Protein backbone atom coordinates (compact mmCIF):
# COMPACT_ATOMS: atom_id res chain seq x y z
CA UNK A 1 -8.86 12.61 -9.63
CA UNK A 2 -6.00 12.25 -7.46
CA UNK A 3 -2.66 11.37 -8.78
CA UNK A 4 -1.93 7.61 -7.83
CA UNK A 5 1.42 6.06 -7.93
CA UNK A 6 1.72 2.40 -7.63
CA UNK A 7 5.17 0.58 -6.60
CA UNK A 8 5.70 -3.05 -6.39
CA UNK A 9 8.51 -5.09 -4.92
CA UNK A 10 8.51 -8.59 -6.48
CA UNK A 11 10.88 -10.08 -4.10
CA UNK A 12 8.66 -9.53 -1.09
CA UNK A 13 5.44 -9.54 -3.26
CA UNK A 14 4.27 -6.21 -1.88
CA UNK A 15 2.35 -3.43 -3.68
CA UNK A 16 2.10 -0.14 -2.51
CA UNK A 17 -0.75 2.48 -3.58
CA UNK A 18 -0.02 6.09 -2.71
CA UNK A 19 -2.97 8.26 -3.04
CA UNK A 20 -2.22 11.81 -4.24
CA UNK A 21 1.40 11.26 -4.55
CA UNK A 22 2.17 14.71 -5.34
CA UNK A 23 1.00 16.20 -2.14
CA UNK A 24 3.56 15.93 0.77
CA UNK A 25 2.58 13.22 2.96
CA UNK A 26 3.41 12.30 6.46
CA UNK A 27 2.18 8.98 7.87
CA UNK A 28 0.54 9.58 11.30
CA UNK A 29 -0.34 6.06 11.95
CA UNK A 30 -0.91 2.73 9.93
CA UNK A 31 -3.90 0.11 10.67
CA UNK A 32 -3.72 -3.24 9.75
CA UNK A 33 -6.94 -4.52 8.05
CA UNK A 34 -7.81 -7.92 9.12
CA UNK A 35 -9.85 -10.13 6.61
CA UNK A 36 -11.83 -12.92 7.78
CA UNK A 37 -10.23 -16.39 7.01
CA UNK A 38 -7.52 -14.65 4.99
CA UNK A 39 -3.95 -14.55 6.50
CA UNK A 40 -2.89 -11.76 3.89
CA UNK A 41 -2.48 -8.21 5.73
CA UNK A 42 -3.37 -5.01 4.06
CA UNK A 43 -2.16 -1.88 5.91
CA UNK A 44 -3.91 1.37 5.48
CA UNK A 45 -1.45 4.51 6.14
CA UNK A 46 -3.44 7.54 7.23
CA UNK A 47 -2.20 11.31 8.21
CA UNK A 48 -2.75 12.96 11.32
CA UNK A 49 -6.40 13.73 10.48
CA UNK A 50 -7.25 10.06 9.70
CA UNK A 51 -7.15 10.43 5.89
CA UNK A 52 -6.03 7.22 3.96
CA UNK A 53 -2.63 8.29 2.20
CA UNK A 54 -1.39 4.70 1.11
CA UNK A 55 -2.46 1.16 0.98
CA UNK A 56 0.01 -1.71 1.25
CA UNK A 57 -1.01 -5.03 -0.04
CA UNK A 58 0.89 -8.18 0.70
CA UNK A 59 0.78 -11.25 -1.44
CA UNK A 60 0.04 -8.74 -4.19
CA UNK A 61 0.57 -11.07 -7.24
CA UNK A 62 -2.66 -13.05 -5.91
CA UNK A 63 -4.70 -10.22 -5.25
CA UNK A 64 -4.30 -7.57 -7.76
CA UNK A 65 -4.48 -7.42 -11.64
CA UNK A 66 -1.39 -8.86 -13.29
CA UNK A 67 -1.26 -5.70 -15.75
CA UNK A 68 -1.52 -3.26 -12.78
CA UNK A 69 1.75 -5.05 -11.17
CA UNK A 70 3.45 -5.19 -14.73
CA UNK A 71 2.85 -1.16 -14.92
CA UNK A 72 3.88 -0.29 -11.35
CA UNK A 73 7.04 0.97 -10.35
CA UNK A 74 9.90 -1.38 -9.28
CA UNK A 75 10.73 -0.22 -5.74
CA UNK A 76 10.16 -1.26 -2.28
CA UNK A 77 7.27 0.10 -0.73
CA UNK A 78 7.30 2.74 2.04
CA UNK A 79 7.50 1.17 5.66
CA UNK A 80 4.39 1.34 7.39
CA UNK A 81 4.02 2.25 11.13
CA UNK A 82 1.83 -0.86 11.79
CA UNK A 83 2.88 -3.29 14.62
CA UNK A 84 2.84 -6.84 12.99
């Protein structure tokens, strides 16, 4: 099972799920996942081989379980490369 690290910035209401946080990661690109009828954006960060390394979730307090956000590290999420 990969090591999962979760950070949450309450001021911006953004959570970041870093997959396999013990392995060195370099984001090759970020992709915005568009949801039909939902203005909230979810961004996937991927390495040079196209593997997902992290997931940014905006409006996290309404999209993730409260317990998960309470237990998350309190730090700003990494900056994504996605063009908004």
